[in-house]
Amino acid sequence: MLTKADGWLRIAEINPPELPNLQHRSLSPSWSHVLVTDNVFGRIRVSPYAFSARITHDTPDVHPTVVVSTRDRNILAIESEVRGALGNGVDSFLVVIGDTVPHVDHLAHHYEIVEHLRELQENLPDFEVGMPSRFREWQFRRRIELGAQFFVTGPILDPEVMERHLGLLNLKPEDPPVFVMIIPPFSPSWVEQMEAIGSVPSTDGLKKRLADLTPEVGRKLAWELTTELEKRAEDAGAAGVILMGLKFDSVVGDAADNWLNRVE
């Protein structure tokens, strides 16, 4: 579990396939932890609970955290999915609101789900419940009081803004672990695209640095900056980073070749 990890963690965000396949087997041995998304942007995929169960069975050295979206489910449906996942060895859940575009009705409140799952911990196998947090200390503290056991924040593409934003949380040694989502800044247009969907705004300096580079050179620089993002997150008090925004093939290919294998 993320809350019981010994040392720094590198986590890959992955989307389940649209139909069942065996792609998850290629996560090992590069990745030890993955964050499994739940139908992002309203695109229907294999259930993240079922996909995570396959990961625990087929690649036991890879530990999945399931994104529990409350956007279109009630408590009964969510608890049923969680119980099924627990029975398959999945023990980590990140509760989020979920996408609002395209429009969907929110049948369950994420605060309510976190409270409910924390109560269930007394009677079910050992598992953990986390929440996202913006870089606002009042929200972070409120969600700690609610009972969230780990946090995800970001995403960030520019190393120069890492310390300032993590500093806004005023992290204390006794706080639950915080994991920062990071995205490789491949090009100015990619940075702007990520900003449009909610990433932390990057500096003009980063965009100028990426401008007019060939795709090959830009990609090489992006992975170098990803290494810097990780180092700065660790220095600022995070418990690990979550690499996101990539296709599955890039997670098991480019990321492993150009980032994981070069970080000491």
Protein backbone atom coordinates (compact mmCIF):
# COMPACT_ATOMS: atom_id res chain seq x y z
CA MET A 1 0.00 0.00 0.00
CA LEU A 2 1.11 3.58 -0.61
CA THR A 3 0.74 4.46 3.07
CA LYS A 4 3.05 1.62 4.10
CA ALA A 5 5.69 2.05 1.41
CA ASP A 6 9.28 2.16 2.56
CA GLY A 7 10.99 4.94 0.65
CA TRP A 8 10.39 7.01 -2.46
CA LEU A 9 7.79 5.79 -4.97
CA ARG A 10 7.51 6.20 -8.75
CA ILE A 11 3.96 5.47 -9.87
CA ALA A 12 2.58 5.26 -13.41
CA GLU A 13 -0.95 6.39 -14.24
CA ILE A 14 -2.49 3.94 -16.70
CA ASN A 15 -5.83 3.65 -18.47
CA PRO A 16 -7.48 0.22 -18.64
CA PRO A 17 -7.94 -1.11 -22.19
CA GLU A 18 -11.23 -0.72 -24.02
CA LEU A 19 -11.51 -4.53 -24.15
CA PRO A 20 -9.69 -7.09 -21.98
CA ASN A 21 -6.19 -7.98 -23.12
CA LEU A 22 -2.82 -8.92 -21.62
CA GLN A 23 -1.08 -5.54 -21.91
CA HIS A 24 -0.77 -5.21 -18.14
CA ARG A 25 1.83 -7.99 -18.05
CA SER A 26 4.35 -5.64 -19.67
CA LEU A 27 4.26 -3.35 -16.61
CA SER A 28 6.67 -5.71 -14.86
CA PRO A 29 9.52 -5.38 -14.08
CA SER A 30 9.71 -1.63 -14.81
CA TRP A 31 6.86 -0.50 -12.55
CA SER A 32 6.09 -1.53 -8.98
CA HIS A 33 3.06 0.76 -8.51
CA VAL A 34 0.35 1.99 -10.89
CA LEU A 35 -2.66 4.29 -10.61
CA VAL A 36 -5.56 2.84 -12.61
CA THR A 37 -7.98 5.44 -13.99
CA ASP A 38 -11.76 5.20 -14.18
CA ASN A 39 -13.24 6.03 -17.62
CA VAL A 40 -11.48 9.39 -17.95
CA PHE A 41 -13.18 11.98 -20.17
CA GLY A 42 -16.27 9.76 -20.33
CA ARG A 43 -14.57 7.14 -22.48
CA ILE A 44 -15.77 3.68 -21.53
CA ARG A 45 -13.05 1.17 -20.74
CA VAL A 46 -12.65 -2.04 -18.78
CA SER A 47 -13.58 -1.59 -15.11
CA PRO A 48 -10.55 -0.31 -13.17
CA TYR A 49 -11.49 -2.68 -10.35
CA ALA A 50 -11.45 -5.71 -12.67
CA PHE A 51 -8.32 -4.51 -14.46
CA SER A 52 -6.52 -4.02 -11.14
CA ALA A 53 -7.57 -7.50 -10.07
CA ARG A 54 -5.93 -8.92 -13.20
CA ILE A 55 -2.77 -6.97 -12.38
CA THR A 56 -2.60 -8.44 -8.86
CA HIS A 57 -3.09 -11.97 -10.24
CA ASP A 58 -0.84 -11.81 -13.32
CA THR A 59 1.90 -9.45 -12.12
CA PRO A 60 1.98 -9.72 -8.30
CA ASP A 61 5.05 -7.47 -8.13
CA VAL A 62 2.93 -4.56 -9.47
CA HIS A 63 0.64 -2.89 -6.91
CA PRO A 64 -2.41 -1.05 -8.30
CA THR A 65 -4.28 1.87 -6.76
CA VAL A 66 -7.83 2.12 -8.15
CA VAL A 67 -9.32 5.52 -8.94
CA VAL A 68 -12.81 5.45 -7.43
CA SER A 69 -14.93 7.98 -9.33
CA THR A 70 -18.15 9.03 -7.64
CA ARG A 71 -19.56 10.83 -10.68
CA ASP A 72 -22.23 8.29 -11.71
CA ARG A 73 -22.47 5.73 -8.88
CA ASN A 74 -24.13 5.49 -5.51
CA ILE A 75 -22.62 4.15 -2.28
CA LEU A 76 -24.02 0.66 -2.80
CA ALA A 77 -22.43 0.31 -6.24
CA ILE A 78 -19.07 1.64 -5.07
CA GLU A 79 -18.96 -0.58 -1.99
CA SER A 80 -19.78 -3.61 -4.13
CA GLU A 81 -16.88 -2.83 -6.49
CA VAL A 82 -14.49 -2.24 -3.58
CA ARG A 83 -15.47 -5.53 -1.91
CA GLY A 84 -14.88 -7.39 -5.17
CA ALA A 85 -11.49 -5.75 -5.62
CA LEU A 86 -10.46 -6.54 -2.05
CA GLY A 87 -11.25 -10.19 -2.68
CA ASN A 88 -8.79 -10.08 -5.58
CA GLY A 89 -5.90 -8.57 -3.65
CA VAL A 90 -6.45 -4.88 -4.46
CA ASP A 91 -5.95 -2.78 -1.33
CA SER A 92 -5.54 0.85 -2.42
CA PHE A 93 -8.27 3.28 -3.52
CA LEU A 94 -8.14 6.96 -4.54
CA VAL A 95 -11.58 8.62 -4.29
CA VAL A 96 -12.23 11.43 -6.79
CA ILE A 97 -15.24 13.33 -8.07
CA GLY A 98 -14.65 12.33 -11.69
CA ASP A 99 -15.03 14.18 -14.95
CA THR A 100 -17.79 16.71 -15.46
CA VAL A 101 -17.26 16.97 -19.23
CA PRO A 102 -19.17 15.42 -20.91
CA HIS A 103 -21.85 16.18 -18.35
CA VAL A 104 -22.66 13.37 -15.93
CA ASP A 105 -24.82 13.30 -12.83
CA HIS A 106 -22.97 12.93 -9.55
CA LEU A 107 -24.94 10.43 -7.50
CA ALA A 108 -22.46 10.15 -4.64
CA HIS A 109 -20.34 12.78 -2.92
CA HIS A 110 -16.64 11.97 -2.68
CA TYR A 111 -16.46 13.11 0.96
CA GLU A 112 -19.33 10.79 1.78
CA ILE A 113 -17.61 7.87 0.03
CA VAL A 114 -14.35 8.44 1.91
CA GLU A 115 -16.20 8.47 5.23
CA HIS A 116 -18.07 5.31 4.27
CA LEU A 117 -14.95 3.42 3.18
CA ARG A 118 -13.06 4.44 6.30
CA GLU A 119 -15.90 3.00 8.40
CA LEU A 120 -15.74 -0.24 6.41
CA GLN A 121 -12.06 -0.64 7.25
CA GLU A 122 -13.07 -2.03 10.64
CA ASN A 123 -14.81 -5.02 9.06
CA LEU A 124 -13.03 -5.69 5.74
CA PRO A 125 -9.49 -6.75 4.78
CA ASP A 126 -6.79 -4.13 5.27
CA PHE A 127 -6.96 -1.36 2.63
CA GLU A 128 -6.27 2.36 2.25
CA VAL A 129 -8.32 5.33 1.06
CA GLY A 130 -6.81 8.45 -0.49
CA MET A 131 -8.05 11.72 -1.99
CA PRO A 132 -6.77 14.38 -4.38
CA SER A 133 -5.97 17.84 -3.11
CA ARG A 134 -5.34 21.14 -4.77
CA PHE A 135 -2.40 23.21 -3.60
CA ARG A 136 -4.54 24.81 -0.88
CA GLU A 137 -3.68 24.06 2.73
CA TRP A 138 -7.24 24.55 4.00
CA GLN A 139 -8.52 21.85 1.63
CA PHE A 140 -5.60 19.56 2.44
CA ARG A 141 -6.20 19.90 6.21
CA ARG A 142 -9.94 19.43 5.85
CA ARG A 143 -9.42 16.18 3.96
CA ILE A 144 -6.92 14.96 6.54
CA GLU A 145 -9.59 15.55 9.20
CA LEU A 146 -12.05 13.61 7.05
CA GLY A 147 -9.73 10.61 7.24
CA ALA A 148 -7.94 10.45 3.88
CA GLN A 149 -4.80 8.35 4.31
CA PHE A 150 -2.80 9.56 1.30
CA PHE A 151 -3.05 12.41 -1.19
CA VAL A 152 -2.46 13.07 -4.88
CA THR A 153 -1.85 16.60 -6.15
CA GLY A 154 -0.80 18.35 -9.34
CA PRO A 155 -0.15 17.81 -12.17
CA ILE A 156 3.04 19.80 -12.74
CA LEU A 157 5.14 20.03 -15.92
CA ASP A 158 7.61 22.76 -14.97
CA PRO A 159 10.30 22.06 -12.36
CA GLU A 160 10.49 25.78 -11.56
CA VAL A 161 7.03 25.83 -9.97
CA MET A 162 7.36 22.63 -7.90
CA GLU A 163 8.74 24.05 -4.62
CA ARG A 164 6.36 27.00 -4.52
CA HIS A 165 3.25 24.90 -5.00
CA LEU A 166 4.16 22.07 -2.64
CA GLY A 167 5.15 24.74 -0.14
CA LEU A 168 1.56 26.00 -0.17
CA LEU A 169 0.49 22.78 1.60
CA ASN A 170 2.81 23.52 4.53
CA LEU A 171 3.63 19.83 4.89
CA LYS A 172 4.41 18.50 8.36
CA PRO A 173 6.27 15.27 9.26
CA GLU A 174 3.10 13.72 10.69
CA ASP A 175 0.98 14.43 7.58
CA PRO A 176 -0.20 11.55 5.34
CA PRO A 177 1.99 10.93 2.26
CA VAL A 178 1.51 13.28 -0.69
CA PHE A 179 2.23 12.13 -4.24
CA VAL A 180 2.75 14.70 -7.00
CA MET A 181 1.46 14.06 -10.50
CA ILE A 182 4.07 15.03 -13.09
CA ILE A 183 3.83 15.23 -16.88
CA PRO A 184 6.83 15.34 -19.25
CA PRO A 185 6.78 18.74 -21.04
CA PHE A 186 7.23 17.53 -24.61
CA SER A 187 6.47 20.79 -26.44
CA PRO A 188 4.91 24.23 -25.91
CA SER A 189 1.62 23.05 -27.46
CA TRP A 190 1.59 19.98 -25.20
CA VAL A 191 2.19 22.17 -22.14
CA GLU A 192 -0.67 24.45 -23.14
CA GLN A 193 -2.93 21.47 -23.78
CA MET A 194 -2.22 20.13 -20.27
CA GLU A 195 -2.82 23.57 -18.77
CA ALA A 196 -6.22 23.65 -20.48
CA ILE A 197 -7.28 20.49 -18.62
CA GLY A 198 -6.08 21.65 -15.22
CA SER A 199 -2.33 21.32 -14.80
CA VAL A 200 -0.38 23.90 -12.81
CA PRO A 201 0.52 26.79 -15.17
CA SER A 202 4.10 26.58 -16.41
CA THR A 203 6.49 29.49 -16.73
CA ASP A 204 7.10 31.32 -19.98
CA GLY A 205 10.71 30.31 -19.55
CA LEU A 206 9.84 26.64 -19.95
CA LYS A 207 7.78 27.27 -23.07
CA LYS A 208 10.57 29.34 -24.62
CA ARG A 209 13.06 26.61 -23.78
CA LEU A 210 10.90 24.07 -25.62
CA ALA A 211 10.15 26.30 -28.60
CA ASP A 212 11.58 25.47 -32.03
CA LEU A 213 13.04 22.13 -30.94
CA THR A 214 12.72 19.13 -33.21
CA PRO A 215 10.40 16.43 -31.81
CA GLU A 216 13.36 14.17 -31.05
CA VAL A 217 15.32 16.88 -29.20
CA GLY A 218 12.16 18.10 -27.45
CA ARG A 219 11.36 14.62 -26.20
CA LYS A 220 14.89 14.12 -24.90
CA LEU A 221 14.71 17.41 -23.01
CA ALA A 222 11.27 16.51 -21.64
CA TRP A 223 12.62 13.36 -20.01
CA GLU A 224 15.54 15.32 -18.54
CA LEU A 225 13.02 17.77 -17.07
CA THR A 226 10.97 14.87 -15.73
CA THR A 227 14.03 13.74 -13.78
CA GLU A 228 14.33 17.28 -12.41
CA LEU A 229 10.62 17.34 -11.53
CA GLU A 230 11.07 14.18 -9.49
CA LYS A 231 14.13 15.47 -7.66
CA ARG A 232 12.44 18.74 -6.77
CA ALA A 233 9.30 16.95 -5.56
CA GLU A 234 11.40 14.77 -3.27
CA ASP A 235 13.34 17.76 -1.93
CA ALA A 236 10.04 19.59 -1.26
CA GLY A 237 8.68 16.80 0.93
CA ALA A 238 6.56 14.63 -1.38
CA ALA A 239 6.41 10.85 -0.84
CA GLY A 240 6.64 10.06 -4.54
CA VAL A 241 5.57 11.05 -8.03
CA ILE A 242 2.89 9.82 -10.40
CA LEU A 243 3.80 9.93 -14.08
CA MET A 244 0.68 10.75 -16.04
CA GLY A 245 -0.58 11.93 -19.40
CA LEU A 246 1.03 9.12 -21.40
CA LYS A 247 -0.32 6.31 -23.54
CA PHE A 248 0.19 2.80 -22.19
CA ASP A 249 2.88 2.01 -24.77
CA SER A 250 4.82 5.08 -23.65
CA VAL A 251 4.52 4.09 -19.99
CA VAL A 252 6.13 0.70 -20.61
CA GLY A 253 8.42 1.98 -23.37
CA ASP A 254 9.66 5.58 -23.41
CA ALA A 255 9.21 6.17 -19.68
CA ALA A 256 11.09 3.04 -18.71
CA ASP A 257 13.87 3.64 -21.25
CA ASN A 258 14.34 7.37 -20.81
CA TRP A 259 13.40 8.07 -17.21
CA LEU A 260 13.22 5.07 -14.87
CA ASN A 261 16.47 3.57 -16.04
CA ARG A 262 18.40 6.83 -15.82
CA VAL A 263 17.34 7.87 -12.31
CA GLU A 264 19.82 6.87 -9.63
